[in-house]
C-alpha atoms as a PDB file:
ATOM      1  CA  MET A   1     163.265  38.135  57.691  1.00  0.00           C
ATOM      2  CA  GLN A   2     160.831  36.249  59.889  1.00  0.00           C
ATOM      3  CA  ARG A   3     157.138  35.673  59.523  1.00  0.00           C
ATOM      4  CA  ILE A   4     155.021  37.171  62.330  1.00  0.00           C
ATOM      5  CA  ASN A   5     151.752  35.756  63.591  1.00  0.00           C
ATOM      6  CA  VAL A   6     149.789  38.933  64.308  1.00  0.00           C
ATOM      7  CA  GLN A   7     147.181  36.889  66.168  1.00  0.00           C
ATOM      8  CA  TYR A   8     149.704  36.728  68.997  1.00  0.00           C
ATOM      9  CA  PHE A   9     148.792  40.239  70.136  1.00  0.00           C
ATOM     10  CA  TYR A  10     145.187  39.141  70.569  1.00  0.00           C
ATOM     11  CA  GLN A  11     146.409  36.218  72.651  1.00  0.00           C
ATOM     12  CA  LEU A  12     148.531  38.565  74.770  1.00  0.00           C
ATOM     13  CA  ALA A  13     145.571  40.859  75.415  1.00  0.00           C
ATOM     14  CA  SER A  14     143.172  37.989  76.159  1.00  0.00           C
ATOM     15  CA  ASN A  15     145.485  36.741  78.906  1.00  0.00           C
ATOM     16  CA  LEU A  16     146.192  40.136  80.458  1.00  0.00           C
ATOM     17  CA  LEU A  17     142.737  41.746  80.463  1.00  0.00           C
ATOM     18  CA  PRO A  18     141.236  39.290  83.014  1.00  0.00           C
ATOM     19  CA  LEU A  19     143.598  40.824  85.571  1.00  0.00           C
ATOM     20  CA  LYS A  20     141.220  43.788  85.695  1.00  0.00           C
ATOM     21  CA  THR A  21     138.537  41.521  87.214  1.00  0.00           C
ATOM     22  CA  LEU A  22     140.624  40.564  90.254  1.00  0.00           C
ATOM     23  CA  THR A  23     138.772  41.286  93.495  1.00  0.00           C
ATOM     24  CA  ALA A  24     140.243  41.810  96.929  1.00  0.00           C
ATOM     25  CA  GLY A  25     139.247  39.060  99.340  1.00  0.00           C
ATOM     26  CA  ASN A  26     139.180  36.249  96.773  1.00  0.00           C
ATOM     27  CA  SER A  27     141.484  33.327  97.387  1.00  0.00           C
ATOM     28  CA  ILE A  28     144.778  33.410  95.510  1.00  0.00           C
ATOM     29  CA  LEU A  29     144.283  29.696  94.796  1.00  0.00           C
ATOM     30  CA  ASN A  30     140.934  30.388  93.122  1.00  0.00           C
ATOM     31  CA  GLU A  31     142.481  33.137  91.005  1.00  0.00           C
ATOM     32  CA  PHE A  32     145.555  31.088  90.166  1.00  0.00           C
ATOM     33  CA  THR A  33     144.578  30.371  86.533  1.00  0.00           C
ATOM     34  CA  THR A  34     144.107  34.071  85.773  1.00  0.00           C
ATOM     35  CA  LEU A  35     147.352  35.021  87.490  1.00  0.00           C
ATOM     36  CA  TRP A  36     149.391  32.185  85.972  1.00  0.00           C
ATOM     37  CA  ASP A  37     148.168  32.704  82.390  1.00  0.00           C
ATOM     38  CA  ALA A  38     148.959  36.411  82.603  1.00  0.00           C
ATOM     39  CA  GLU A  39     152.426  35.804  84.074  1.00  0.00           C
ATOM     40  CA  ARG A  40     153.306  33.181  81.456  1.00  0.00           C
ATOM     41  CA  GLU A  41     152.163  35.399  78.578  1.00  0.00           C
ATOM     42  CA  ILE A  42     153.919  38.550  79.730  1.00  0.00           C
ATOM     43  CA  LYS A  43     157.196  36.671  80.271  1.00  0.00           C
ATOM     44  CA  SER A  44     156.933  35.146  76.804  1.00  0.00           C
ATOM     45  CA  PHE A  45     156.384  38.581  75.282  1.00  0.00           C
ATOM     46  CA  LEU A  46     159.288  40.184  77.150  1.00  0.00           C
ATOM     47  CA  GLY A  47     161.671  37.420  76.098  1.00  0.00           C
ATOM     48  CA  ASN A  48     160.751  37.146  72.420  1.00  0.00           C
ATOM     49  CA  THR A  49     163.433  38.012  69.856  1.00  0.00           C
ATOM     50  CA  VAL A  50     161.188  38.581  66.830  1.00  0.00           C
ATOM     51  CA  ILE A  51     159.484  41.779  67.987  1.00  0.00           C
ATOM     52  CA  PRO A  52     161.175  42.488  71.327  1.00  0.00           C
ATOM     53  CA  PRO A  53     159.767  45.340  73.416  1.00  0.00           C
ATOM     54  CA  THR A  54     162.052  48.273  74.063  1.00  0.00           C
ATOM     55  CA  THR A  55     160.500  51.198  75.940  1.00  0.00           C
ATOM     56  CA  SER A  56     157.678  48.984  77.259  1.00  0.00           C
ATOM     57  CA  TYR A  57     160.033  46.356  78.662  1.00  0.00           C
ATOM     58  CA  ALA A  58     160.434  47.967  82.106  1.00  0.00           C
ATOM     59  CA  ALA A  59     156.672  48.323  82.643  1.00  0.00           C
ATOM     60  CA  GLY A  60     156.150  44.745  81.510  1.00  0.00           C
ATOM     61  CA  LYS A  61     158.844  43.472  83.880  1.00  0.00           C
ATOM     62  CA  GLU A  62     157.225  45.250  86.841  1.00  0.00           C
ATOM     63  CA  LEU A  63     153.884  43.583  86.012  1.00  0.00           C
ATOM     64  CA  SER A  64     155.596  40.202  85.654  1.00  0.00           C
ATOM     65  CA  ASP A  65     157.294  40.555  89.052  1.00  0.00           C
ATOM     66  CA  ALA A  66     154.014  41.505  90.756  1.00  0.00           C
ATOM     67  CA  LEU A  67     152.293  38.425  89.317  1.00  0.00           C
ATOM     68  CA  GLU A  68     155.161  36.105  90.230  1.00  0.00           C
ATOM     69  CA  ALA A  69     155.047  37.335  93.833  1.00  0.00           C
ATOM     70  CA  LEU A  70     151.530  35.898  94.091  1.00  0.00           C
ATOM     71  CA  THR A  71     151.839  32.694  92.007  1.00  0.00           C
ATOM     72  CA  SER A  72     154.975  31.623  93.895  1.00  0.00           C
ATOM     73  CA  ASN A  73     153.235  31.933  97.261  1.00  0.00           C
ATOM     74  CA  LEU A  74     149.918  30.104  96.867  1.00  0.00           C
ATOM     75  CA  TRP A  75     149.849  28.454 100.294  1.00  0.00           C
ATOM     76  CA  ARG A  76     150.578  31.470 102.425  1.00  0.00           C
ATOM     77  CA  THR A  77     148.571  31.811 105.611  1.00  0.00           C
ATOM     78  CA  GLU A  78     149.288  35.471 106.205  1.00  0.00           C
ATOM     79  CA  PRO A  79     147.847  37.953 105.649  1.00  0.00           C
ATOM     80  CA  ASP A  80     144.198  36.994 105.747  1.00  0.00           C
ATOM     81  CA  ASN A  81     144.587  33.230 105.119  1.00  0.00           C
ATOM     82  CA  GLY A  82     145.875  33.469 101.512  1.00  0.00           C
ATOM     83  CA  ASN A  83     143.325  35.877 100.161  1.00  0.00           C
ATOM     84  CA  LEU A  84     144.101  38.725  97.793  1.00  0.00           C
ATOM     85  CA  GLN A  85     144.674  42.000  99.563  1.00  0.00           C
ATOM     86  CA  ALA A  86     143.380  45.320  98.232  1.00  0.00           C
ATOM     87  CA  TYR A  87     146.883  46.734  97.808  1.00  0.00           C
ATOM     88  CA  GLU A  88     147.927  43.616  95.841  1.00  0.00           C
ATOM     89  CA  VAL A  89     144.999  43.986  93.431  1.00  0.00           C
ATOM     90  CA  SER A  90     145.725  47.708  93.084  1.00  0.00           C
ATOM     91  CA  ASN A  91     149.418  46.993  92.468  1.00  0.00           C
ATOM     92  CA  ILE A  92     148.655  44.576  89.643  1.00  0.00           C
ATOM     93  CA  THR A  93     146.015  46.726  87.936  1.00  0.00           C
ATOM     94  CA  SER A  94     148.189  49.853  88.106  1.00  0.00           C
ATOM     95  CA  HIS A  95     151.148  47.990  86.571  1.00  0.00           C
ATOM     96  CA  LEU A  96     148.834  46.622  83.874  1.00  0.00           C
ATOM     97  CA  SER A  97     147.489  50.088  83.028  1.00  0.00           C
ATOM     98  CA  ARG A  98     150.995  51.528  82.796  1.00  0.00           C
ATOM     99  CA  PHE A  99     152.145  48.651  80.584  1.00  0.00           C
ATOM    100  CA  GLU A 100     149.174  49.178  78.254  1.00  0.00           C
ATOM    101  CA  VAL A 101     149.919  52.869  77.810  1.00  0.00           C
ATOM    102  CA  VAL A 102     153.640  52.412  77.144  1.00  0.00           C
ATOM    103  CA  LEU A 103     153.060  49.416  74.860  1.00  0.00           C
ATOM    104  CA  GLN A 104     150.526  51.339  72.802  1.00  0.00           C
ATOM    105  CA  ALA A 105     152.899  54.279  72.415  1.00  0.00           C
ATOM    106  CA  GLU A 106     155.787  52.047  71.394  1.00  0.00           C
ATOM    107  CA  PHE A 107     153.987  49.804  68.872  1.00  0.00           C
ATOM    108  CA  SER A 108     151.977  52.599  67.291  1.00  0.00           C
ATOM    109  CA  ARG A 109     155.291  53.735  65.748  1.00  0.00           C
ATOM    110  CA  ARG A 110     156.844  50.295  65.270  1.00  0.00           C
ATOM    111  CA  ASP A 111     157.947  49.535  61.708  1.00  0.00           C
ATOM    112  CA  THR A 112     155.433  47.051  60.365  1.00  0.00           C
ATOM    113  CA  PHE A 113     154.770  46.303  56.711  1.00  0.00           C
ATOM    114  CA  THR A 114     152.418  44.119  54.699  1.00  0.00           C
ATOM    115  CA  VAL A 115     153.229  42.442  51.383  1.00  0.00           C
ATOM    116  CA  SER A 116     150.475  42.506  48.795  1.00  0.00           C
ATOM    117  CA  ARG A 117     149.621  39.585  46.541  1.00  0.00           C
ATOM    118  CA  LYS A 118     151.288  39.561  43.110  1.00  0.00           C
ATOM    119  CA  ALA A 119     148.939  38.392  40.330  1.00  0.00           C
ATOM    120  CA  LEU A 120     147.992  34.771  41.025  1.00  0.00           C
ATOM    121  CA  TYR A 121     151.138  34.075  43.045  1.00  0.00           C
ATOM    122  CA  SER A 122     150.837  33.437  46.759  1.00  0.00           C
ATOM    123  CA  THR A 123     152.810  35.943  48.810  1.00  0.00           C
ATOM    124  CA  THR A 124     154.024  33.213  51.150  1.00  0.00           C
ATOM    125  CA  ASP A 125     155.187  31.030  48.254  1.00  0.00           C
ATOM    126  CA  LEU A 126     157.051  33.909  46.628  1.00  0.00           C
ATOM    127  CA  ILE A 127     158.862  34.740  49.857  1.00  0.00           C
ATOM    128  CA  GLU A 128     159.581  31.242  51.114  1.00  0.00           C
ATOM    129  CA  ALA A 129     159.676  29.056  47.985  1.00  0.00           C
ATOM    130  CA  GLY A 130     160.099  31.086  44.806  1.00  0.00           C
ATOM    131  CA  GLU A 131     161.725  28.100  43.108  1.00  0.00           C
ATOM    132  CA  PHE A 132     158.315  26.415  43.055  1.00  0.00           C
ATOM    133  CA  MET A 133     157.367  28.628  40.098  1.00  0.00           C
ATOM    134  CA  VAL A 134     158.840  25.804  37.983  1.00  0.00           C
ATOM    135  CA  SER A 135     158.059  22.092  38.129  1.00  0.00           C
ATOM    136  CA  GLN A 136     159.764  19.520  40.326  1.00  0.00           C
ATOM    137  CA  SER A 137     161.234  17.937  37.207  1.00  0.00           C
ATOM    138  CA  ALA A 138     162.856  21.243  36.271  1.00  0.00           C
ATOM    139  CA  ARG A 139     164.316  21.686  39.755  1.00  0.00           C
ATOM    140  CA  ASP A 140     165.721  18.152  39.685  1.00  0.00           C
ATOM    141  CA  LYS A 141     167.277  18.444  36.228  1.00  0.00           C
ATOM    142  CA  MET A 142     168.561  21.993  36.615  1.00  0.00           C
ATOM    143  CA  PRO A 143     169.508  22.454  40.294  1.00  0.00           C
ATOM    144  CA  GLU A 144     171.911  25.311  39.526  1.00  0.00           C
ATOM    145  CA  MET A 145     169.000  27.654  38.779  1.00  0.00           C
ATOM    146  CA  VAL A 146     167.141  27.013  42.060  1.00  0.00           C
ATOM    147  CA  PRO A 147     168.914  29.652  44.241  1.00  0.00           C
ATOM    148  CA  ASP A 148     168.230  32.408  41.716  1.00  0.00           C
ATOM    149  CA  LEU A 149     164.571  31.413  41.359  1.00  0.00           C
ATOM    150  CA  HIS A 150     164.277  31.492  45.157  1.00  0.00           C
ATOM    151  CA  ASP A 151     165.751  34.998  45.321  1.00  0.00           C
ATOM    152  CA  ALA A 152     163.659  36.139  42.352  1.00  0.00           C
ATOM    153  CA  GLY A 153     160.475  35.150  44.168  1.00  0.00           C
ATOM    154  CA  ARG A 154     161.438  37.196  47.228  1.00  0.00           C
ATOM    155  CA  CYS A 155     162.283  40.212  45.063  1.00  0.00           C
ATOM    156  CA  VAL A 156     158.926  39.982  43.290  1.00  0.00           C
ATOM    157  CA  ALA A 157     157.097  39.792  46.636  1.00  0.00           C
ATOM    158  CA  PHE A 158     158.920  42.851  47.999  1.00  0.00           C
ATOM    159  CA  GLU A 159     158.452  44.772  44.725  1.00  0.00           C
ATOM    160  CA  LEU A 160     162.142  44.846  43.795  1.00  0.00           C
ATOM    161  CA  ALA A 161     161.288  44.308  40.149  1.00  0.00           C
ATOM    162  CA  THR A 162     164.674  45.093  38.567  1.00  0.00           C
ATOM    163  CA  ALA A 163     166.461  42.815  41.019  1.00  0.00           C
ATOM    164  CA  ALA A 164     163.870  40.102  40.377  1.00  0.00           C
ATOM    165  CA  ALA A 165     164.486  40.302  36.624  1.00  0.00           C
ATOM    166  CA  PHE A 166     168.234  40.018  37.232  1.00  0.00           C
ATOM    167  CA  HIS A 167     167.769  36.753  39.155  1.00  0.00           C
ATOM    168  CA  LEU A 168     165.264  35.427  36.612  1.00  0.00           C
ATOM    169  CA  TYR A 169     167.735  35.920  33.744  1.00  0.00           C
ATOM    170  CA  ARG A 170     170.468  34.256  35.782  1.00  0.00           C
ATOM    171  CA  ALA A 171     168.156  31.297  36.366  1.00  0.00           C
ATOM    172  CA  ALA A 172     167.343  31.096  32.645  1.00  0.00           C
ATOM    173  CA  GLU A 173     171.046  31.095  31.793  1.00  0.00           C
ATOM    174  CA  ALA A 174     171.784  28.341  34.307  1.00  0.00           C
ATOM    175  CA  ALA A 175     168.906  26.293  32.895  1.00  0.00           C
ATOM    176  CA  THR A 176     170.160  26.784  29.336  1.00  0.00           C
ATOM    177  CA  LYS A 177     173.641  25.555  30.254  1.00  0.00           C
ATOM    178  CA  ALA A 178     172.120  22.428  31.800  1.00  0.00           C
ATOM    179  CA  TYR A 179     170.048  21.911  28.651  1.00  0.00           C
ATOM    180  CA  ILE A 180     173.097  22.262  26.378  1.00  0.00           C
ATOM    181  CA  LEU A 181     174.901  19.643  28.435  1.00  0.00           C
ATOM    182  CA  ALA A 182     171.939  17.304  28.033  1.00  0.00           C
ATOM    183  CA  VAL A 183     171.546  17.680  24.252  1.00  0.00           C
ATOM    184  CA  ARG A 184     175.225  17.954  23.322  1.00  0.00           C
ATOM    185  CA  GLY A 185     176.812  15.736  25.941  1.00  0.00           C
ATOM    186  CA  THR A 186     179.490  18.287  26.824  1.00  0.00           C
ATOM    187  CA  PRO A 187     179.246  21.331  29.122  1.00  0.00           C
ATOM    188  CA  VAL A 188     179.454  24.915  27.964  1.00  0.00           C
ATOM    189  CA  THR A 189     183.076  25.946  27.471  1.00  0.00           C
ATOM    190  CA  ALA A 190     184.717  29.043  28.903  1.00  0.00           C
ATOM    191  CA  GLU A 191     184.846  30.571  25.426  1.00  0.00           C
ATOM    192  CA  GLU A 192     181.128  29.905  24.855  1.00  0.00           C
ATOM    193  CA  LYS A 193     180.246  31.525  28.171  1.00  0.00           C
ATOM    194  CA  LYS A 194     181.655  34.816  26.925  1.00  0.00           C
ATOM    195  CA  HIS A 195     178.804  35.078  24.406  1.00  0.00           C
ATOM    196  CA  GLY A 196     176.100  34.643  27.064  1.00  0.00           C
ATOM    197  CA  MET A 197     172.476  33.818  26.360  1.00  0.00           C
ATOM    198  CA  GLY A 198     172.571  35.032  22.767  1.00  0.00           C
ATOM    199  CA  GLY A 199     175.515  32.761  22.075  1.00  0.00           C
ATOM    200  CA  TYR A 200     173.703  29.818  23.639  1.00  0.00           C
ATOM    201  CA  ALA A 201     170.698  30.433  21.394  1.00  0.00           C
ATOM    202  CA  ASN A 202     172.925  30.431  18.301  1.00  0.00           C
ATOM    203  CA  LEU A 203     174.688  27.310  19.508  1.00  0.00           C
ATOM    204  CA  LEU A 204     171.376  25.452  19.788  1.00  0.00           C
ATOM    205  CA  LYS A 205     170.555  26.271  16.163  1.00  0.00           C
ATOM    206  CA  LYS A 206     172.984  23.626  14.947  1.00  0.00           C
ATOM    207  CA  ARG A 207     171.031  21.087  12.935  1.00  0.00           C
ATOM    208  CA  SER A 208     173.038  18.205  14.385  1.00  0.00           C
ATOM    209  CA  LEU A 209     171.552  18.878  17.852  1.00  0.00           C
ATOM    210  CA  GLY A 210     167.968  18.567  16.637  1.00  0.00           C
ATOM    211  CA  VAL A 211     166.674  21.312  18.932  1.00  0.00           C
ATOM    212  CA  ASP A 212     163.121  22.508  18.445  1.00  0.00           C
ATOM    213  CA  GLU A 213     163.049  25.927  16.793  1.00  0.00           C
ATOM    214  CA  ARG A 214     160.753  27.251  19.527  1.00  0.00           C
ATOM    215  CA  ILE A 215     163.462  26.785  22.128  1.00  0.00           C
ATOM    216  CA  TYR A 216     166.310  28.742  20.567  1.00  0.00           C
ATOM    217  CA  THR A 217     163.924  31.328  19.127  1.00  0.00           C
ATOM    218  CA  SER A 218     162.426  31.959  22.570  1.00  0.00           C
ATOM    219  CA  LEU A 219     165.890  32.225  24.086  1.00  0.00           C
ATOM    220  CA  ALA A 220     166.979  34.699  21.434  1.00  0.00           C
ATOM    221  CA  GLN A 221     163.892  36.869  21.950  1.00  0.00           C
ATOM    222  CA  LEU A 222     164.239  36.753  25.729  1.00  0.00           C
ATOM    223  CA  THR A 223     167.844  37.884  25.392  1.00  0.00           C
ATOM    224  CA  ARG A 224     167.465  40.552  22.728  1.00  0.00           C
ATOM    225  CA  LEU A 225     164.141  42.103  23.728  1.00  0.00           C
ATOM    226  CA  HIS A 226     164.214  41.768  27.525  1.00  0.00           C
ATOM    227  CA  ARG A 227     167.522  40.773  29.094  1.00  0.00           C
ATOM    228  CA  ASN A 228     169.892  42.995  27.133  1.00  0.00           C
ATOM    229  CA  PRO A 229     167.873  46.233  27.537  1.00  0.00           C
ATOM    230  CA  SER A 230     167.368  45.679  31.264  1.00  0.00           C
ATOM    231  CA  ILE A 231     171.078  45.483  32.122  1.00  0.00           C
ATOM    232  CA  HIS A 232     171.579  49.196  31.431  1.00  0.00           C
ATOM    233  CA  PRO A 233     171.632  51.400  34.567  1.00  0.00           C
ATOM    234  CA  ASP A 234     169.060  53.803  33.149  1.00  0.00           C
ATOM    235  CA  GLN A 235     166.530  51.022  32.569  1.00  0.00           C
ATOM    236  CA  ARG A 236     164.169  50.054  35.368  1.00  0.00           C
ATOM    237  CA  ILE A 237     161.540  47.330  35.300  1.00  0.00           C
ATOM    238  CA  SER A 238     158.076  47.852  36.734  1.00  0.00           C
ATOM    239  CA  ASN A 239     156.271  45.394  38.995  1.00  0.00           C
ATOM    240  CA  ALA A 240     153.827  44.583  36.198  1.00  0.00           C
ATOM    241  CA  GLU A 241     156.642  43.915  33.715  1.00  0.00           C
ATOM    242  CA  VAL A 242     158.477  41.517  35.975  1.00  0.00           C
ATOM    243  CA  ILE A 243     155.389  39.314  36.267  1.00  0.00           C
ATOM    244  CA  GLY A 244     155.477  38.955  32.488  1.00  0.00           C
ATOM    245  CA  THR A 245     159.213  38.306  32.575  1.00  0.00           C
ATOM    246  CA  MET A 246     158.671  35.597  35.158  1.00  0.00           C
ATOM    247  CA  GLY A 247     156.134  33.920  32.897  1.00  0.00           C
ATOM    248  CA  MET A 248     158.481  33.993  29.897  1.00  0.00           C
ATOM    249  CA  VAL A 249     161.415  32.583  31.855  1.00  0.00           C
ATOM    250  CA  VAL A 250     159.287  29.802  33.336  1.00  0.00           C
ATOM    251  CA  SER A 251     157.930  28.972  29.864  1.00  0.00           C
ATOM    252  CA  VAL A 252     161.405  28.688  28.325  1.00  0.00           C
ATOM    253  CA  ILE A 253     162.671  26.544  31.190  1.00  0.00           C
ATOM    254  CA  GLU A 254     159.724  24.146  31.072  1.00  0.00           C
ATOM    255  CA  VAL A 255     160.004  23.681  27.291  1.00  0.00           C
ATOM    256  CA  MET A 256     163.677  22.759  27.669  1.00  0.00           C
ATOM    257  CA  VAL A 257     162.808  20.307  30.433  1.00  0.00           C
ATOM    258  CA  LEU A 258     160.134  18.675  28.272  1.00  0.00           C
ATOM    259  CA  ASP A 259     162.677  18.208  25.489  1.00  0.00           C
ATOM    260  CA  MET A 260     165.169  16.738  27.946  1.00  0.00           C
ATOM    261  CA  ASP A 261     162.505  14.240  29.060  1.00  0.00           C
ATOM    262  CA  ARG A 262     161.740  13.357  25.447  1.00  0.00           C
ATOM    263  CA  ARG A 263     165.377  12.746  24.666  1.00  0.00           C
ATOM    264  CA  GLN A 264     165.798  10.640  27.768  1.00  0.00           C
ATOM    265  CA  ASN A 265     162.763   8.482  26.980  1.00  0.00           C
ATOM    266  CA  THR A 266     163.561   8.074  23.266  1.00  0.00           C
ATOM    267  CA  PRO A 267     167.325   8.436  22.962  1.00  0.00           C
ATOM    268  CA  GLN A 268     168.842   8.649  19.498  1.00  0.00           C
ATOM    269  CA  ILE A 269     171.994   6.632  20.021  1.00  0.00           C
ATOM    270  CA  PRO A 270     174.261   5.925  17.031  1.00  0.00           C
ATOM    271  CA  LEU A 271     174.534   2.266  16.049  1.00  0.00           C
ATOM    272  CA  SER A 272     178.270   2.324  16.661  1.00  0.00           C
ATOM    273  CA  GLN A 273     177.612   2.968  20.366  1.00  0.00           C
ATOM    274  CA  ILE A 274     175.168   0.082  20.723  1.00  0.00           C
ATOM    275  CA  LEU A 275     177.114  -2.754  19.026  1.00  0.00           C
ATOM    276  CA  PRO A 276     180.467  -4.044  20.280  1.00  0.00           C
ATOM    277  CA  ASP A 277     183.569  -2.535  18.739  1.00  0.00           C
ATOM    278  CA  ASP A 278     184.216  -5.421  16.303  1.00  0.00           C
ATOM    279  CA  SER A 279     180.594  -6.072  15.420  1.00  0.00           C
ATOM    280  CA  LEU A 280     180.473  -3.526  12.626  1.00  0.00           C
ATOM    281  CA  GLN A 281     183.603  -4.992  11.041  1.00  0.00           C
ATOM    282  CA  GLU A 282     182.184  -8.519  11.186  1.00  0.00           C
ATOM    283  CA  ALA A 283     178.892  -7.318   9.738  1.00  0.00           C
ATOM    284  CA  ALA A 284     180.683  -5.558   6.893  1.00  0.00           C
ATOM    285  CA  ALA A 285     182.776  -8.635   6.103  1.00  0.00           C
ATOM    286  CA  LEU A 286     179.717 -10.887   6.141  1.00  0.00           C
ATOM    287  CA  ALA A 287     177.864  -8.545   3.820  1.00  0.00           C
ATOM    288  CA  GLU A 288     180.815  -8.607   1.395  1.00  0.00           C
ATOM    289  CA  VAL A 289     180.873 -12.425   1.298  1.00  0.00           C
ATOM    290  CA  GLN A 290     177.146 -12.788   0.802  1.00  0.00           C
ATOM    291  CA  ALA A 291     176.863 -10.076  -1.843  1.00  0.00           C
ATOM    292  CA  PRO A 292     176.349 -11.364  -5.430  1.00  0.00           C
ATOM    293  CA  PRO A 293     179.347 -11.049  -7.744  1.00  0.00           C
ATOM    294  CA  THR A 294     179.531  -7.836  -9.635  1.00  0.00           C
ATOM    295  CA  LEU A 295     179.293  -8.329 -13.409  1.00  0.00           C
ATOM    296  CA  PRO A 296     181.481  -6.261 -15.687  1.00  0.00           C
ATOM    297  CA  PRO A 297     179.641  -3.556 -17.540  1.00  0.00           C
ATOM    298  CA  VAL A 298     178.364  -4.488 -21.014  1.00  0.00           C
ATOM    299  CA  ARG A 299     180.213  -2.681 -23.710  1.00  0.00           C
ATOM    300  CA  ARG A 300     178.079  -1.792 -26.648  1.00  0.00           C
ATOM    301  CA  ARG A 301     179.582  -1.771 -30.123  1.00  0.00           C
ATOM    302  CA  ARG A 302     179.404   1.564 -31.793  1.00  0.00           C
ATOM    303  CA  ARG A 303     177.395   1.472 -34.964  1.00  0.00           C
ATOM    304  CA  LEU A 304     178.958   3.199 -37.926  1.00  0.00           C
ATOM    305  CA  ASN A 305     176.825   5.105 -40.304  1.00  0.00           C
ATOM    306  CA  LYS A 306     177.135   4.102 -43.958  1.00  0.00           C
ATOM    307  CA  PRO A 307     178.559   6.784 -46.193  1.00  0.00           C
ATOM    308  CA  THR A 308     176.033   8.448 -48.357  1.00  0.00           C
ATOM    309  CA  SER A 309     176.508   8.380 -52.083  1.00  0.00           C
END
C-alpha cells in the first residue's frame, strides 16, 4: 500500500492546459516554458509506478513525443525562423484532446478508495504507526508487542475489525509475558504458555509477586469476556466494538508499564542480595556475642493447701 497525493492530478492539469493557448507564429523560444513544463509533467505521469496509466499511455506518449520534437530544436532556422507552425500547434492540441478523453475514461473506472477517520484516531497514524497507540515507554519495555500493534492499527483503519482484535490480543499477551519477566525475574515457561492469558492472570495473583489487583483482574476480564468469545469462527467484531477493545488493551498495557517503572525506581531487593555472602554470618555472630546472657527460668514452689479438719 502506498499513499497517494491526489493534488498531483491538479498539477498535471495545470501544466498541460496552457498548451491550448499556443499560437502559430509565436517563437518556440518564447513558448519554451509552456512546452517544457508540459513535457516534463507528462513524462513523469507516464513513468510513475504508483498509479501507472494503461489505456491512456499511448495517447500520452504521442503528446510527449510531439512536445519533445519542439523543445529539442529551439534554435532551428527553418521553417519560418524558429516560429511555431500552424500544423505543429494543431498536432499538439489534437494529441492533448485525445489524451484528455482517454485519461478521463480510464480513471473514471480506476479503483480508488478513501479511509474514514476512526473515533479520535488519525487515519494516517493508524495506517503508518499503529504502535503509537501506546506510550514510548511501553514500546521500549515491551518491543515484542510492537509488530502486532502496528498491524492492529492498519486493520482498524481498513475496517477489518475481527483481524484488528486478533492482533490486539496478541499484543496484550506479548506485553503480559514481558511484565511477568519483570516482576518475577524469569520468563514464562513452555508449560505456562499453554494456559494463555487466563493462566497469566492467575499466575500474577500470587501474593509473593505483589501485583496490583487491578492488573490481573483486568487481564482476566479481557480474556474471559472479550478474547475467548472472539476466537470462535461464528463470532465477528464490529468496527465500534474494536475501538473499545483497543482502549481496553492499551489501558492494561499502560498499567503494567507503570508498575514496571515503579518497581524499577523503588526495587524491593532482599537483604541477602545487597550484603556480601559472609556479612550475614558475621552479623549473626556479632549479635550472639553482644546479646545479654539468658537467665534460667525461675521455678516457683508449689504451695500445698493445709488439710481441713
